[in-house]
Amino acid sequence: MQKIGLFYGSDSGNTENIAKKIADTLGDVDLFDVAKTEKAKLLEYKNLILATPTYGSGDMQGDWEEFLETLSPEDFNGKVIALVGLGDQDTYADSFCDGLLPIYEVANKQGKIIGFTKTEGYEYEETKTIVDGQFIGLMLDEDNQEELSEKRIEEWIGNIKGQFE
């Protein structure tokens, strides 16, 4: 398996901490904060994990919003991509992890998305991040279900590990 580039945006530190946990558990991962990274760095990797929190009523994290503006669907051609979204199911139950959707929409046009997960065990009202009955990636709620994150990460990594090239 080729090395994985894990690109994340984080304001409160939750997504950064999750990115580090994923990198430590998966191994052979390079971590990048999109606030301090150029597009050229993402283009170096065939295997990607892209992680973002959701703010407010479904808004993408600000650094990711700026970084995504520099990317096009062609930048994901031939890449294998796993997605990670963080959100708050209680306060923002009607837009849980919706900030991840713009990344999915760009990456999915020419990249191969892996790591879809089941929706059972979550307590949200609505989300735009469900395709064919599954989340478009690993969804975590560090505000209300922090105790479930480690297990969810381990199961997700077990599912995606063999799918990277």
Protein backbone atom coordinates (compact mmCIF):
# COMPACT_ATOMS: atom_id res chain seq x y z
CA MET A 1 0.00 0.00 0.00
CA GLN A 2 1.25 3.46 -0.89
CA LYS A 3 1.49 6.13 1.77
CA ILE A 4 -1.71 7.98 2.66
CA GLY A 5 -2.08 11.75 2.82
CA LEU A 6 -4.54 12.79 5.52
CA PHE A 7 -5.72 16.36 5.04
CA TYR A 8 -7.81 18.00 7.74
CA GLY A 9 -9.20 21.36 8.80
CA SER A 10 -9.75 22.15 12.46
CA ASP A 11 -10.66 25.20 14.52
CA SER A 12 -11.42 23.71 17.94
CA GLY A 13 -8.84 20.92 17.73
CA ASN A 14 -11.35 18.03 17.62
CA THR A 15 -10.74 17.21 13.96
CA GLU A 16 -6.98 17.53 14.39
CA ASN A 17 -7.11 15.10 17.33
CA ILE A 18 -9.23 12.64 15.33
CA ALA A 19 -6.84 12.94 12.38
CA LYS A 20 -3.92 12.09 14.67
CA LYS A 21 -5.80 9.09 16.10
CA ILE A 22 -6.56 7.82 12.61
CA ALA A 23 -2.94 8.30 11.53
CA ASP A 24 -1.62 6.53 14.64
CA THR A 25 -4.03 3.62 14.23
CA LEU A 26 -3.58 3.25 10.47
CA GLY A 27 0.15 3.92 10.28
CA ASP A 28 2.11 5.13 7.23
CA VAL A 29 0.10 8.37 7.06
CA ASP A 30 1.30 11.92 6.47
CA LEU A 31 -0.82 14.58 8.22
CA PHE A 32 -1.56 17.99 6.74
CA ASP A 33 -3.57 20.92 8.09
CA VAL A 34 -5.23 22.45 5.01
CA ALA A 35 -4.69 25.93 6.51
CA LYS A 36 -0.94 25.42 6.05
CA THR A 37 -0.88 23.27 2.91
CA GLU A 38 -0.76 23.89 -0.82
CA LYS A 39 -2.75 21.98 -3.43
CA ALA A 40 0.49 20.52 -4.83
CA LYS A 41 0.96 18.49 -1.64
CA LEU A 42 -2.44 16.79 -2.05
CA LEU A 43 -1.61 15.96 -5.66
CA GLU A 44 1.41 13.92 -4.52
CA TYR A 45 -0.79 11.22 -2.94
CA LYS A 46 -2.80 8.49 -4.62
CA ASN A 47 -4.44 7.55 -1.28
CA LEU A 48 -6.24 10.30 0.61
CA ILE A 49 -8.21 10.76 3.80
CA LEU A 50 -10.02 14.10 3.95
CA ALA A 51 -11.43 15.25 7.30
CA THR A 52 -13.52 18.27 8.24
CA PRO A 53 -15.85 19.39 10.98
CA THR A 54 -19.20 21.01 10.30
CA TYR A 55 -19.95 24.41 11.78
CA GLY A 56 -23.30 26.07 12.34
CA SER A 57 -26.12 24.79 10.20
CA GLY A 58 -24.10 22.63 7.83
CA ASP A 59 -21.20 24.95 7.02
CA MET A 60 -17.83 23.64 5.97
CA GLN A 61 -14.82 24.52 8.09
CA GLY A 62 -13.33 27.81 6.82
CA ASP A 63 -9.84 26.54 5.94
CA TRP A 64 -11.34 23.63 4.03
CA GLU A 65 -13.66 26.00 2.18
CA GLU A 66 -10.65 28.02 0.96
CA PHE A 67 -8.60 24.90 0.18
CA LEU A 68 -11.45 23.25 -1.74
CA GLU A 69 -11.74 26.33 -3.96
CA THR A 70 -8.25 25.52 -5.30
CA LEU A 71 -9.24 21.93 -6.21
CA SER A 72 -11.09 20.52 -9.19
CA PRO A 73 -12.56 17.08 -9.89
CA GLU A 74 -9.57 16.34 -12.13
CA ASP A 75 -7.28 16.62 -9.09
CA PHE A 76 -8.93 13.46 -7.73
CA ASN A 77 -8.67 11.42 -10.93
CA GLY A 78 -7.26 7.97 -10.12
CA LYS A 79 -7.18 8.64 -6.37
CA VAL A 80 -8.69 6.53 -3.60
CA ILE A 81 -10.40 8.77 -1.05
CA ALA A 82 -11.85 8.15 2.40
CA LEU A 83 -13.84 10.88 4.13
CA VAL A 84 -14.23 11.84 7.79
CA GLY A 85 -16.83 14.27 9.10
CA LEU A 86 -17.31 15.66 12.58
CA GLY A 87 -20.55 17.18 13.74
CA ASP A 88 -22.92 17.80 16.63
CA GLN A 89 -26.04 15.60 16.47
CA ASP A 90 -27.75 17.43 19.32
CA THR A 91 -27.35 21.15 18.62
CA TYR A 92 -27.30 20.75 14.82
CA ALA A 93 -29.45 17.64 14.43
CA ASP A 94 -30.86 18.84 11.11
CA SER A 95 -27.46 19.29 9.40
CA PHE A 96 -25.27 16.61 10.99
CA CYS A 97 -21.85 16.55 9.27
CA ASP A 98 -23.19 18.38 6.20
CA GLY A 99 -19.91 20.33 5.94
CA LEU A 100 -18.37 17.19 4.43
CA LEU A 101 -20.74 17.16 1.45
CA PRO A 102 -18.89 19.75 -0.73
CA ILE A 103 -15.68 17.72 -0.45
CA TYR A 104 -17.53 14.55 -1.42
CA GLU A 105 -19.17 16.26 -4.40
CA VAL A 106 -15.83 17.38 -5.87
CA ALA A 107 -13.81 14.25 -5.03
CA ASN A 108 -16.50 11.78 -6.12
CA LYS A 109 -16.64 13.06 -9.71
CA GLN A 110 -13.33 11.43 -10.67
CA GLY A 111 -11.98 9.81 -7.52
CA LYS A 112 -12.93 6.51 -5.92
CA ILE A 113 -14.66 7.07 -2.57
CA ILE A 114 -14.27 4.33 0.03
CA GLY A 115 -15.24 4.02 3.68
CA PHE A 116 -19.00 4.39 3.60
CA THR A 117 -20.46 3.62 7.05
CA LYS A 118 -23.79 2.59 8.53
CA THR A 119 -26.10 5.17 10.06
CA GLU A 120 -27.18 3.04 13.02
CA GLY A 121 -26.24 4.32 16.47
CA TYR A 122 -26.47 8.01 15.60
CA GLU A 123 -29.14 10.40 16.89
CA TYR A 124 -29.47 13.14 14.26
CA GLU A 125 -32.62 14.32 12.48
CA GLU A 126 -31.28 15.03 8.99
CA THR A 127 -28.08 14.97 7.01
CA LYS A 128 -27.17 15.38 3.35
CA THR A 129 -24.25 12.96 3.76
CA ILE A 130 -26.16 9.74 3.09
CA VAL A 131 -25.82 7.93 -0.24
CA ASP A 132 -27.54 4.59 -0.83
CA GLY A 133 -28.50 4.38 2.85
CA GLN A 134 -24.99 4.91 4.21
CA PHE A 135 -22.88 7.84 5.37
CA ILE A 136 -20.34 8.97 2.75
CA GLY A 137 -17.57 8.35 5.28
CA LEU A 138 -16.77 8.04 8.95
CA MET A 139 -19.00 10.37 10.95
CA LEU A 140 -18.06 11.29 14.51
CA ASP A 141 -19.67 13.41 17.21
CA GLU A 142 -17.06 14.44 19.77
CA ASP A 143 -19.64 16.55 21.63
CA ASN A 144 -22.28 13.90 22.31
CA GLN A 145 -20.80 10.47 21.48
CA GLU A 146 -17.10 10.88 22.17
CA GLU A 147 -17.04 7.49 23.92
CA LEU A 148 -17.94 5.79 20.61
CA SER A 149 -15.25 7.45 18.48
CA GLU A 150 -12.37 5.08 19.17
CA LYS A 151 -14.43 1.99 18.30
CA ARG A 152 -15.87 3.67 15.21
CA ILE A 153 -12.37 4.65 14.05
CA GLU A 154 -11.02 1.13 14.54
CA GLU A 155 -13.93 -0.48 12.66
CA TRP A 156 -13.69 2.05 9.85
CA ILE A 157 -9.95 1.56 9.46
CA GLY A 158 -10.51 -2.19 9.37
CA ASN A 159 -12.90 -1.66 6.46
CA ILE A 160 -10.80 0.77 4.43
CA LYS A 161 -7.26 -0.49 4.97
CA GLY A 162 -7.36 -3.08 2.21
CA GLN A 163 -9.05 -0.72 -0.25
CA PHE A 164 -6.18 1.74 -0.58
CA GLU A 165 -3.68 1.15 -3.37
